[in-house]
Protein backbone atom coordinates (compact mmCIF):
# COMPACT_ATOMS: atom_id res chain seq x y z
CA MET A 1 6.48 -13.81 -29.01
CA LYS A 2 8.11 -15.22 -32.38
CA LYS A 3 11.24 -17.35 -31.44
CA PHE A 4 14.09 -17.29 -33.57
CA TYR A 5 16.76 -20.31 -34.04
CA ALA A 6 19.73 -20.65 -35.59
CA PHE A 7 19.42 -22.64 -38.61
CA LEU A 8 21.63 -25.92 -38.62
CA PRO A 9 23.72 -26.92 -41.39
CA PHE A 10 22.48 -29.80 -43.45
CA LEU A 11 24.74 -32.34 -42.95
CA GLY A 12 24.18 -35.72 -45.45
CA LEU A 13 24.46 -39.21 -44.04
CA PHE A 14 27.15 -41.18 -45.28
CA LEU A 15 26.14 -45.06 -45.62
CA ILE A 16 28.84 -47.65 -45.10
CA ALA A 17 28.62 -50.78 -47.48
CA CYS A 18 28.91 -53.99 -45.10
CA GLU A 19 28.51 -57.58 -45.94
CA GLU A 20 24.85 -59.02 -45.45
CA ASP A 21 25.89 -60.82 -42.16
CA THR A 22 27.93 -58.02 -40.79
CA VAL A 23 26.05 -56.59 -37.72
CA VAL A 24 26.79 -52.97 -36.64
CA PRO A 25 26.74 -52.53 -32.99
CA GLU A 26 24.69 -49.36 -31.51
CA PRO A 27 27.00 -47.56 -29.40
CA ALA A 28 26.89 -47.61 -25.60
CA GLY A 29 24.84 -45.04 -24.23
CA PRO A 30 25.72 -44.32 -20.36
CA ASP A 31 24.17 -45.73 -17.77
CA PRO A 32 20.69 -44.61 -16.48
CA VAL A 33 21.25 -43.23 -13.43
CA GLU A 34 19.08 -44.29 -10.26
CA TYR A 35 18.29 -41.73 -8.02
CA THR A 36 17.81 -42.21 -4.52
CA SER A 37 16.05 -40.09 -1.37
CA GLY A 38 19.03 -40.79 0.94
CA THR A 39 17.72 -40.68 4.68
CA ALA A 40 14.52 -38.76 3.37
CA ASP A 41 11.39 -40.11 2.64
CA PHE A 42 9.88 -38.17 -0.03
CA SER A 43 6.59 -40.08 -0.36
CA ASN A 44 4.32 -36.95 1.31
CA TYR A 45 5.79 -33.63 0.60
CA VAL A 46 4.09 -30.41 1.72
CA ALA A 47 5.30 -27.15 1.26
CA ILE A 48 4.31 -24.27 3.76
CA GLY A 49 4.96 -20.54 3.14
CA ASN A 50 3.70 -17.73 1.47
CA SER A 51 3.57 -16.24 -1.99
CA LEU A 52 6.81 -17.56 -2.91
CA THR A 53 5.79 -20.99 -2.09
CA ALA A 54 2.42 -20.79 -4.05
CA GLY A 55 4.31 -19.72 -7.02
CA PHE A 56 3.05 -15.91 -6.93
CA SER A 57 4.41 -13.58 -9.83
CA ASP A 58 3.54 -10.75 -12.14
CA ASN A 59 1.72 -9.42 -9.11
CA ALA A 60 -1.03 -12.28 -8.94
CA LEU A 61 -1.92 -15.71 -8.74
CA PHE A 62 -2.62 -17.65 -11.73
CA ILE A 63 -2.01 -21.42 -13.13
CA ASP A 64 1.01 -20.84 -15.03
CA GLY A 65 2.65 -19.46 -12.17
CA GLN A 66 1.49 -21.94 -9.74
CA THR A 67 2.22 -25.07 -11.59
CA ALA A 68 5.80 -22.99 -12.17
CA SER A 69 6.10 -22.56 -8.14
CA PHE A 70 9.50 -23.91 -6.69
CA PRO A 71 7.58 -26.46 -4.67
CA ASN A 72 6.09 -28.19 -7.68
CA MET A 73 9.53 -28.39 -8.88
CA LEU A 74 10.73 -30.28 -6.11
CA ALA A 75 7.75 -32.47 -6.27
CA SER A 76 8.99 -33.14 -10.02
CA ASN A 77 12.82 -34.25 -8.38
CA PHE A 78 10.95 -36.28 -5.57
CA ALA A 79 9.27 -38.12 -7.63
CA LEU A 80 12.26 -39.63 -9.03
CA ALA A 81 13.28 -40.79 -5.68
CA GLY A 82 9.65 -42.21 -4.28
CA GLY A 83 7.68 -39.19 -3.99
CA GLY A 84 4.11 -38.96 -4.66
CA SER A 85 1.51 -36.51 -6.07
CA PHE A 86 1.77 -33.17 -5.20
CA ASP A 87 -1.60 -31.53 -5.49
CA ILE A 88 -2.08 -27.10 -5.72
CA PRO A 89 -5.09 -25.26 -5.02
CA PHE A 90 -5.18 -24.08 -8.65
CA MET A 91 -6.89 -20.70 -9.43
CA ALA A 92 -9.90 -20.91 -12.38
CA ASP A 93 -7.54 -19.39 -15.09
CA ASN A 94 -4.46 -17.65 -16.09
CA LEU A 95 -5.96 -13.91 -15.18
CA GLY A 96 -5.36 -14.20 -11.76
CA GLY A 97 -8.01 -11.91 -10.80
CA ALA A 98 -10.92 -13.06 -8.27
CA THR A 99 -14.13 -12.26 -6.94
CA ILE A 100 -15.58 -12.48 -3.33
CA ASN A 101 -19.51 -13.08 -3.74
CA GLY A 102 -19.07 -11.68 -7.27
CA GLU A 103 -17.45 -8.36 -6.02
CA THR A 104 -13.86 -7.35 -7.04
CA ASP A 105 -14.07 -5.00 -4.45
CA ALA A 106 -15.43 -6.96 -1.39
CA ASN A 107 -13.46 -4.61 1.27
CA MET A 108 -14.85 -1.51 -0.19
CA ASP A 109 -11.12 0.15 -0.55
CA GLY A 110 -11.24 1.66 -3.98
CA SER A 111 -9.27 -1.76 -5.42
CA PRO A 112 -9.65 -5.09 -6.18
CA ASP A 113 -8.82 -7.34 -3.43
CA ILE A 114 -7.13 -9.72 -5.62
CA GLY A 115 -6.30 -8.01 -9.35
CA ASN A 116 -5.15 -9.26 -12.67
CA ARG A 117 -1.51 -10.48 -13.26
CA LEU A 118 0.78 -8.14 -15.00
CA ILE A 119 2.00 -8.37 -18.62
CA LEU A 120 4.49 -6.15 -20.66
CA SER A 121 2.86 -3.95 -23.00
CA PHE A 122 4.62 -2.41 -26.02
CA LEU A 123 2.11 -0.16 -27.00
CA GLY A 124 3.26 3.12 -25.18
CA ALA A 125 6.30 4.95 -25.64
CA SER A 126 8.13 2.58 -23.86
CA PRO A 127 7.55 -1.35 -22.55
CA SER A 128 5.77 -1.24 -19.20
CA PRO A 129 3.89 -3.72 -17.15
CA VAL A 130 0.08 -3.35 -17.55
CA PRO A 131 -3.10 -5.70 -15.84
CA VAL A 132 -4.15 -8.09 -18.18
CA GLN A 133 -7.53 -7.05 -19.23
CA GLY A 134 -10.63 -9.02 -18.27
CA GLN A 135 -12.23 -10.23 -15.38
CA GLY A 136 -10.87 -13.62 -13.54
CA SER A 137 -13.42 -16.40 -13.02
CA THR A 138 -11.85 -17.28 -10.05
CA GLU A 139 -14.52 -16.89 -6.96
CA ILE A 140 -13.32 -17.32 -3.30
CA THR A 141 -16.23 -18.38 -1.83
CA ASP A 142 -15.95 -21.38 -4.20
CA LYS A 143 -14.37 -24.15 -1.45
CA LEU A 144 -11.78 -26.37 -3.19
CA ALA A 145 -12.04 -30.00 -2.01
CA GLY A 146 -8.39 -30.32 -0.15
CA PRO A 147 -5.99 -31.64 1.36
CA PHE A 148 -3.45 -29.72 -1.03
CA ASN A 149 0.12 -30.09 -0.67
CA ASN A 150 1.22 -26.97 -1.51
CA MET A 151 0.05 -24.71 1.41
CA GLY A 152 2.00 -21.21 0.31
CA VAL A 153 -0.89 -18.59 1.11
CA PRO A 154 -0.12 -15.01 -0.73
CA GLY A 155 0.33 -12.26 1.95
CA ALA A 156 0.43 -14.41 5.15
CA LYS A 157 2.98 -13.47 7.64
CA SER A 158 4.66 -15.97 9.67
CA TYR A 159 2.31 -15.42 12.72
CA GLU A 160 -1.25 -15.99 10.44
CA LEU A 161 0.12 -19.31 9.46
CA LEU A 162 -0.76 -20.36 12.77
CA ALA A 163 -3.83 -18.35 13.24
CA PRO A 164 -7.41 -20.64 13.44
CA GLY A 165 -10.03 -18.80 11.35
CA TYR A 166 -7.33 -17.69 8.68
CA GLY A 167 -9.36 -19.17 6.09
CA SER A 168 -12.89 -18.08 7.50
CA LEU A 169 -14.96 -16.04 5.02
CA ALA A 170 -16.31 -14.46 7.85
CA GLY A 171 -12.97 -13.25 9.07
CA LEU A 172 -12.34 -11.46 5.81
CA ALA A 173 -14.70 -8.35 6.38
CA ILE A 174 -12.64 -7.77 9.85
CA GLY A 175 -9.39 -8.79 8.18
CA ALA A 176 -8.68 -11.67 9.85
CA ALA A 177 -8.59 -14.09 7.28
CA ASN A 178 -6.61 -14.53 3.96
CA PRO A 179 -8.92 -14.77 0.52
CA TYR A 180 -6.65 -17.20 -0.80
CA PHE A 181 -6.75 -19.85 2.08
CA VAL A 182 -10.39 -19.24 2.23
CA ARG A 183 -10.69 -21.45 -1.02
CA PHE A 184 -8.76 -24.03 0.52
CA SER A 185 -9.23 -24.58 3.87
CA SER A 186 -10.35 -27.34 5.38
CA SER A 187 -12.79 -25.42 7.69
CA GLU A 188 -13.88 -22.11 9.27
CA THR A 189 -11.79 -22.69 12.16
CA ALA A 190 -8.60 -24.24 10.32
CA SER A 191 -5.30 -22.72 10.50
CA VAL A 192 -2.60 -23.44 7.30
CA ILE A 193 0.07 -24.96 9.78
CA GLY A 194 -2.74 -27.16 11.13
CA ASP A 195 -4.13 -28.60 7.38
CA ALA A 196 -0.60 -29.01 6.39
CA ALA A 197 0.16 -31.23 9.46
CA ALA A 198 -2.96 -32.53 9.32
CA GLN A 199 -2.04 -34.60 5.99
CA GLY A 200 0.77 -36.92 8.00
CA ALA A 201 4.02 -35.17 5.67
CA THR A 202 7.13 -37.17 5.28
CA PHE A 203 8.91 -34.25 3.98
CA PHE A 204 8.29 -30.58 3.98
CA THR A 205 9.68 -27.16 2.90
CA LEU A 206 8.86 -23.85 5.32
CA TRP A 207 9.77 -20.24 3.89
CA ALA A 208 7.92 -18.11 5.92
CA GLY A 209 8.73 -14.40 7.12
CA ALA A 210 9.23 -12.40 4.11
CA ASN A 211 5.91 -10.36 4.45
CA ASP A 212 6.86 -9.51 8.07
CA ILE A 213 9.19 -6.99 6.93
CA LEU A 214 8.70 -6.85 3.26
CA ILE A 215 5.23 -5.11 3.47
CA TYR A 216 6.85 -2.18 5.71
CA ALA A 217 9.31 -2.00 2.69
CA THR A 218 7.27 -1.98 -0.21
CA GLY A 219 5.20 0.31 1.69
CA GLY A 220 8.25 2.65 2.05
CA GLY A 221 8.70 2.32 5.60
CA THR A 222 5.05 3.73 6.62
CA GLY A 223 4.27 0.95 9.17
CA VAL A 224 5.73 0.95 12.61
CA ASP A 225 8.74 -1.48 13.63
CA GLN A 226 7.07 -3.46 16.42
CA ALA A 227 10.16 -4.42 18.11
CA GLY A 228 9.38 -4.97 21.66
CA ASN A 229 5.54 -5.54 21.28
CA LEU A 230 4.59 -9.57 21.37
CA ASP A 231 1.36 -9.09 20.78
CA PRO A 232 0.60 -9.54 16.93
CA SER A 233 -2.95 -8.82 17.23
CA THR A 234 -2.15 -4.68 18.28
CA TYR A 235 -0.16 -4.76 14.55
CA SER A 236 -0.94 -2.90 11.22
CA ARG A 237 -0.41 -4.46 7.97
CA ASN A 238 2.40 -2.55 7.32
CA ASP A 239 4.62 -3.20 10.72
CA ILE A 240 7.35 -4.96 11.14
CA THR A 241 7.08 -8.56 13.07
CA ASP A 242 8.80 -8.14 16.49
CA PRO A 243 11.69 -10.75 15.88
CA ASN A 244 10.60 -12.75 19.00
CA VAL A 245 7.04 -13.33 17.91
CA PHE A 246 8.83 -14.62 14.30
CA ALA A 247 10.49 -16.81 16.34
CA GLY A 248 8.08 -18.20 18.31
CA SER A 249 5.80 -18.65 15.19
CA LEU A 250 8.56 -20.45 13.32
CA ASP A 251 9.27 -22.44 16.25
CA ALA A 252 5.65 -23.42 16.92
CA MET A 253 5.58 -24.44 12.87
CA LEU A 254 8.69 -26.59 13.09
CA GLN A 255 7.51 -28.38 16.01
CA THR A 256 4.36 -29.27 14.33
CA MET A 257 5.73 -30.45 11.05
CA THR A 258 8.39 -32.79 12.94
CA ALA A 259 6.34 -34.18 15.53
CA ASN A 260 6.09 -37.49 13.43
CA GLY A 261 10.02 -37.79 12.17
CA ALA A 262 9.30 -35.85 9.03
CA GLY A 263 12.58 -34.29 7.49
CA GLY A 264 12.34 -30.95 5.78
CA ALA A 265 14.40 -27.70 4.66
CA ILE A 266 14.10 -24.72 5.49
CA ALA A 267 15.31 -21.06 3.73
CA ASN A 268 15.87 -17.72 5.04
CA LEU A 269 15.12 -14.69 3.97
CA PRO A 270 16.47 -11.88 0.93
CA ASN A 271 17.49 -8.45 1.50
CA VAL A 272 15.26 -6.15 -0.02
CA THR A 273 18.26 -4.30 -1.56
CA ASP A 274 18.72 -7.61 -3.95
CA ILE A 275 15.03 -7.10 -5.61
CA PRO A 276 14.01 -4.93 -8.57
CA TYR A 277 11.09 -3.21 -6.55
CA PHE A 278 13.78 -1.23 -5.19
CA THR A 279 16.88 -0.82 -7.42
CA THR A 280 14.77 0.08 -10.94
CA VAL A 281 13.94 3.77 -10.51
CA PRO A 282 16.49 6.06 -10.06
CA HIS A 283 16.88 8.74 -7.56
CA ASN A 284 17.37 11.35 -10.22
CA PRO A 285 14.77 11.07 -12.85
CA ILE A 286 13.99 14.87 -13.61
CA PRO A 287 14.92 16.39 -16.50
CA LEU A 288 14.60 20.15 -16.62
CA ASP A 289 15.02 23.11 -19.07
CA GLU A 290 17.05 26.07 -17.91
CA ALA A 291 13.87 28.67 -16.94
CA THR A 292 12.00 25.91 -15.24
CA ALA A 293 15.33 25.34 -13.35
CA ALA A 294 15.93 28.83 -12.61
CA PHE A 295 12.20 29.15 -11.09
CA LEU A 296 12.61 26.11 -8.73
CA ASN A 297 15.57 27.83 -7.49
CA SER A 298 14.08 31.18 -6.97
CA ALA A 299 12.72 32.66 -3.90
CA GLN A 300 9.16 32.08 -5.50
CA ALA A 301 10.01 28.54 -5.03
CA TYR A 302 12.78 26.17 -3.26
CA GLY A 303 14.95 29.54 -2.67
CA ALA A 304 12.71 30.67 0.31
CA TYR A 305 12.80 27.21 1.57
CA ASN A 306 16.41 27.27 1.71
CA ALA A 307 16.78 30.49 3.09
CA GLY A 308 14.49 29.82 5.89
CA LEU A 309 16.38 26.61 6.68
CA ALA A 310 20.03 28.78 6.77
CA GLN A 311 18.71 31.08 9.20
CA LEU A 312 17.78 28.28 11.68
CA GLN A 313 20.84 26.74 11.02
CA GLN A 314 22.69 30.27 12.29
CA LEU A 315 20.43 29.90 15.26
CA ASN A 316 21.83 26.21 15.78
CA LEU A 317 18.57 24.67 15.71
CA ILE A 318 19.96 22.40 13.06
CA THR A 319 23.50 21.18 12.20
CA GLU A 320 25.49 22.03 8.87
CA GLU A 321 25.22 18.58 7.75
CA GLU A 322 21.46 18.80 7.82
CA LEU A 323 21.35 22.40 6.24
CA GLU A 324 23.35 20.55 3.45
CA LYS A 325 21.11 17.11 3.22
CA ARG A 326 17.67 19.23 3.13
CA THR A 327 18.91 22.21 0.86
CA ILE A 328 17.08 22.02 -2.51
CA THR A 329 18.88 22.76 -5.68
CA PHE A 330 17.60 22.40 -9.34
CA ALA A 331 20.29 22.59 -12.93
CA ALA A 332 19.10 22.39 -16.51
CA GLY A 333 19.44 18.81 -18.41
CA GLU A 334 18.76 15.41 -17.32
CA GLY A 335 19.46 13.93 -13.58
CA ASN A 336 17.90 16.16 -11.22
CA ALA A 337 16.78 14.45 -7.92
CA VAL A 338 13.19 14.29 -6.76
CA VAL A 339 12.04 16.05 -3.89
CA ILE A 340 10.62 13.66 -1.05
CA ILE A 341 9.62 14.02 2.46
CA ASP A 342 11.64 12.58 5.15
CA GLU A 343 10.19 12.05 8.63
CA ASP A 344 13.44 11.69 10.55
CA LEU A 345 14.55 15.40 9.76
CA THR A 346 14.17 17.57 12.17
CA ASP A 347 10.87 18.94 12.70
CA LEU A 348 11.24 22.75 11.84
CA THR A 349 7.34 23.67 11.43
CA ALA A 350 6.79 25.00 14.85
CA PHE A 351 9.47 28.26 13.76
CA ASN A 352 7.86 28.12 10.26
CA PRO A 353 5.31 26.00 8.72
CA ALA A 354 6.74 26.19 5.82
CA LEU A 355 9.90 24.48 6.41
CA ILE A 356 8.33 20.84 6.33
CA ASN A 357 10.46 17.83 6.54
CA MET A 358 12.18 17.70 2.71
CA ARG A 359 14.92 17.12 0.75
CA GLN A 360 15.78 15.49 -2.30
CA ALA A 361 16.83 12.00 -2.87
CA THR A 362 19.83 10.66 -2.80
CA GLU A 363 21.57 7.54 -4.01
CA GLU A 364 21.33 5.81 -0.93
CA ASP A 365 17.37 6.23 -1.10
CA LEU A 366 15.46 3.38 -2.39
CA MET A 367 12.78 4.54 -4.79
CA VAL A 368 9.76 1.80 -5.04
CA LEU A 369 9.13 0.62 -8.04
CA THR A 370 5.20 1.87 -8.07
CA SER A 371 6.94 5.29 -8.06
CA ARG A 372 8.06 5.06 -11.71
CA SER A 373 4.57 5.80 -12.86
CA PHE A 374 3.63 8.43 -10.17
CA ILE A 375 7.35 11.00 -10.72
CA GLY A 376 6.23 13.80 -12.95
CA THR A 377 2.34 13.58 -12.66
CA LEU A 378 0.31 16.43 -11.48
CA ALA A 379 -0.91 16.64 -8.18
CA ASN A 380 -3.80 18.88 -9.07
CA PRO A 381 -4.59 18.30 -12.55
CA ASN A 382 -5.88 21.86 -12.64
CA ASP A 383 -2.24 23.43 -11.91
CA PRO A 384 0.46 22.14 -14.46
CA THR A 385 3.05 23.39 -11.95
CA SER A 386 2.27 20.69 -9.08
CA ILE A 387 4.41 17.89 -10.24
CA ASN A 388 4.92 15.01 -8.07
CA GLY A 389 8.76 15.03 -6.92
CA VAL A 390 9.25 18.36 -8.38
CA ALA A 391 6.94 20.82 -7.16
CA VAL A 392 4.87 18.66 -4.68
CA PRO A 393 7.41 16.43 -2.49
CA LEU A 394 7.03 12.47 -2.81
CA ALA A 395 5.14 11.33 0.03
CA ASP A 396 7.31 8.58 2.43
CA GLN A 397 5.30 6.00 0.75
CA TRP A 398 7.23 5.95 -2.52
CA VAL A 399 10.86 5.86 -0.97
CA LEU A 400 12.53 3.69 1.40
CA THR A 401 15.27 6.11 3.34
CA PRO A 402 18.46 4.66 4.49
CA GLU A 403 17.19 5.03 8.13
CA GLU A 404 13.80 2.72 7.44
CA GLN A 405 16.41 0.52 5.10
CA ALA A 406 18.69 0.04 8.19
CA THR A 407 15.37 -0.89 10.40
CA VAL A 408 14.59 -3.59 7.74
CA GLU A 409 17.92 -4.95 8.02
CA THR A 410 18.24 -5.03 11.83
CA ALA A 411 14.90 -7.39 11.77
CA LEU A 412 16.05 -9.10 8.69
CA ASN A 413 19.35 -10.21 10.42
CA ALA A 414 17.40 -11.14 13.64
CA TYR A 415 14.92 -13.34 11.31
CA ASN A 416 17.96 -15.08 9.71
CA GLN A 417 19.74 -15.53 12.57
CA THR A 418 16.57 -17.51 14.11
CA ILE A 419 16.25 -19.46 10.96
CA ALA A 420 19.55 -20.36 10.94
CA GLY A 421 19.34 -21.38 14.50
CA LEU A 422 16.18 -23.64 14.28
CA ALA A 423 17.40 -25.58 10.97
CA ALA A 424 20.48 -26.54 12.83
CA ALA A 425 17.87 -27.59 16.30
CA TYR A 426 15.82 -29.48 14.39
CA ASP A 427 18.46 -31.09 11.94
CA LEU A 428 16.83 -29.68 8.71
CA ALA A 429 18.36 -28.71 5.40
CA PHE A 430 19.02 -25.16 4.97
CA VAL A 431 18.71 -22.89 2.18
CA ASP A 432 20.86 -19.39 2.06
CA ALA A 433 18.16 -17.88 0.27
CA ASN A 434 19.79 -14.43 1.23
CA ALA A 435 22.98 -15.31 -0.50
CA LEU A 436 21.33 -16.82 -3.46
CA LEU A 437 19.18 -13.52 -4.15
CA ASN A 438 22.21 -11.37 -3.64
CA GLN A 439 24.35 -13.53 -6.15
CA LEU A 440 21.38 -13.07 -8.44
CA ARG A 441 21.42 -9.46 -8.02
CA THR A 442 25.58 -8.83 -8.21
CA ASN A 443 26.65 -11.55 -10.68
CA GLY A 444 23.67 -13.85 -11.81
CA PHE A 445 23.36 -17.31 -12.62
CA GLN A 446 25.48 -18.76 -16.14
CA GLN A 447 22.96 -20.90 -17.99
CA ALA A 448 23.87 -23.64 -20.16
CA ASP A 449 23.45 -21.98 -23.22
CA GLY A 450 25.38 -19.22 -22.26
CA SER A 451 23.08 -16.79 -21.19
CA VAL A 452 23.00 -15.16 -17.84
CA VAL A 453 19.85 -14.71 -15.21
CA ASP A 454 19.81 -12.09 -13.37
CA ALA A 455 18.01 -9.36 -10.98
CA THR A 456 17.26 -6.38 -13.97
CA PHE A 457 13.77 -5.75 -14.17
CA ALA A 458 11.70 -7.17 -16.94
CA THR A 459 14.65 -8.45 -18.96
CA GLY A 460 17.07 -10.21 -16.65
CA GLY A 461 14.88 -13.39 -16.33
CA GLY A 462 15.38 -13.71 -12.55
CA PHE A 463 12.69 -11.77 -11.59
CA SER A 464 8.45 -11.33 -12.62
CA LEU A 465 7.18 -8.20 -13.55
CA ASP A 466 5.94 -7.10 -9.72
CA GLY A 467 9.78 -6.43 -9.26
CA VAL A 468 9.38 -8.53 -6.08
CA HIS A 469 8.46 -11.94 -6.61
CA PRO A 470 10.43 -14.32 -8.91
CA ALA A 471 9.85 -15.18 -12.42
CA PRO A 472 9.52 -19.14 -13.22
CA ARG A 473 13.53 -18.95 -14.43
CA GLY A 474 14.31 -17.28 -10.99
CA TYR A 475 11.74 -20.01 -8.94
CA ALA A 476 13.83 -22.83 -10.96
CA ILE A 477 17.11 -21.30 -9.53
CA ILE A 478 15.45 -21.44 -6.06
CA ALA A 479 14.28 -24.87 -6.75
CA ASN A 480 17.93 -25.63 -7.73
CA ALA A 481 19.31 -24.33 -4.28
CA PHE A 482 16.88 -26.53 -2.18
CA ILE A 483 18.05 -29.53 -4.20
CA GLU A 484 21.27 -28.86 -3.59
CA ALA A 485 20.79 -28.39 0.44
CA ILE A 486 18.37 -31.47 0.40
CA ASN A 487 21.06 -33.42 -1.58
CA ALA A 488 23.72 -32.33 1.16
CA LYS A 489 21.49 -32.93 4.10
CA TYR A 490 19.71 -36.00 3.45
CA ASN A 491 22.73 -38.16 1.02
CA SER A 492 20.05 -37.96 -1.59
CA ASN A 493 21.12 -37.45 -5.43
CA LEU A 494 18.21 -35.42 -6.76
CA PRO A 495 19.32 -34.15 -10.07
CA GLY A 496 17.48 -30.60 -9.99
CA VAL A 497 15.41 -28.62 -12.79
CA ASN A 498 16.92 -26.90 -15.88
CA PRO A 499 16.05 -23.23 -15.64
CA LEU A 500 15.88 -23.11 -18.90
CA ASP A 501 12.89 -24.91 -19.64
CA TYR A 502 10.82 -22.01 -17.55
CA THR A 503 10.53 -18.70 -19.26
CA GLY A 504 12.27 -15.52 -17.74
CA LEU A 505 9.05 -13.63 -18.88
CA TYR A 506 5.48 -14.24 -19.83
CA ILE A 507 5.05 -12.40 -23.08
CA ASP A 508 1.55 -12.68 -25.13
């Protein structure tokens, strides 16, 4: 990408003649700042967490992203006040893709187990994220020699960070292990927290739990809220972790990391409504001409569905409110809402199999980012009328409904209450990442050059192209929040980092 700089006007140097023996004194500069760690000891820093700790961005883990992880930024500040080296389990390249025993699809599910990073392509009608071409050179079975200070494992849930064998190659086939941790675990029976604790950290950061609710949310609420189920071995990947399981997992990790008196910082979790994965695609992106709108409203299409609903409402089988909610109508022009499946509607198929649980989306529904490339495609390539989101309702995976959002929020509030309580109980620095990400979405953060970093997809500078993970500039803002909390708690005076030193968007 070309960079354009303002040209500075040429300023001539005016020399003042002096007597031969006259000495012109150099202007006095500011006294150099002496950075101190306060009551903290940064000499051996270990970071524990998931993809947010690892430096995951643009839907992948790659060298540049790992270098721009917020723990690596913290380590650069800690080095100013007695901090030591910070070792990272780097991927082999900047593509982000990987193989397992030479296969890109070792799990045989039809997609790469670890895919390439996204890049903004300008080849289509409008700029859009596409995977970088090429095969990544990272082979998961090539073990890295540790230990590593960055113990962030993409995809890990809270309780998985405690699981023995989470870095076992044999465990991958049964879903009991994580390919990223397989690369740098100390043994086949190791746990993430065990390998982290074995390093004898004097200071640590812990940011865990996002995946315990995020995977449910990004899957459109297709999982189950496991509140009340204390057995994680029975959970599916898309389920929400029971708050007591989450609390116990976090408490166990903090007990382990503070056993030898280490200080640390812990962050709470952001609301999913603050990330562009859920705020970018509108609920009403469908343009229609008059003929198509008229057909969709006719008895040959949704008119029959609407009439069936009205009949059942007359029989008091659904309320007037539900009838209004479910009635589907289209109009010529822009701004028609997509049709979606909503499992929380009354099941009427026993009365009429055609009356499935569908309705049009409203502004309260959150369309997932990946729906932008699915809405408007054909469900049947041989049927030009089978348009997804119009003639064919979008399945649950493409939208997070208000009821599903409420489920997420309930879990989030319980998790964040736990995190705040444990931060106080273990006397740790507390980072309010929830408030931070909310500010990033609502107002953004103004930078020294007058620019504003916000949560606008692709152009805001705060988030990467996957719409979930921060861009390097966003990670810098997070790093500064950690620094601010650490300085306040431990009376250190670390300077933080300049977000403008990091990119808001990778463009080749």
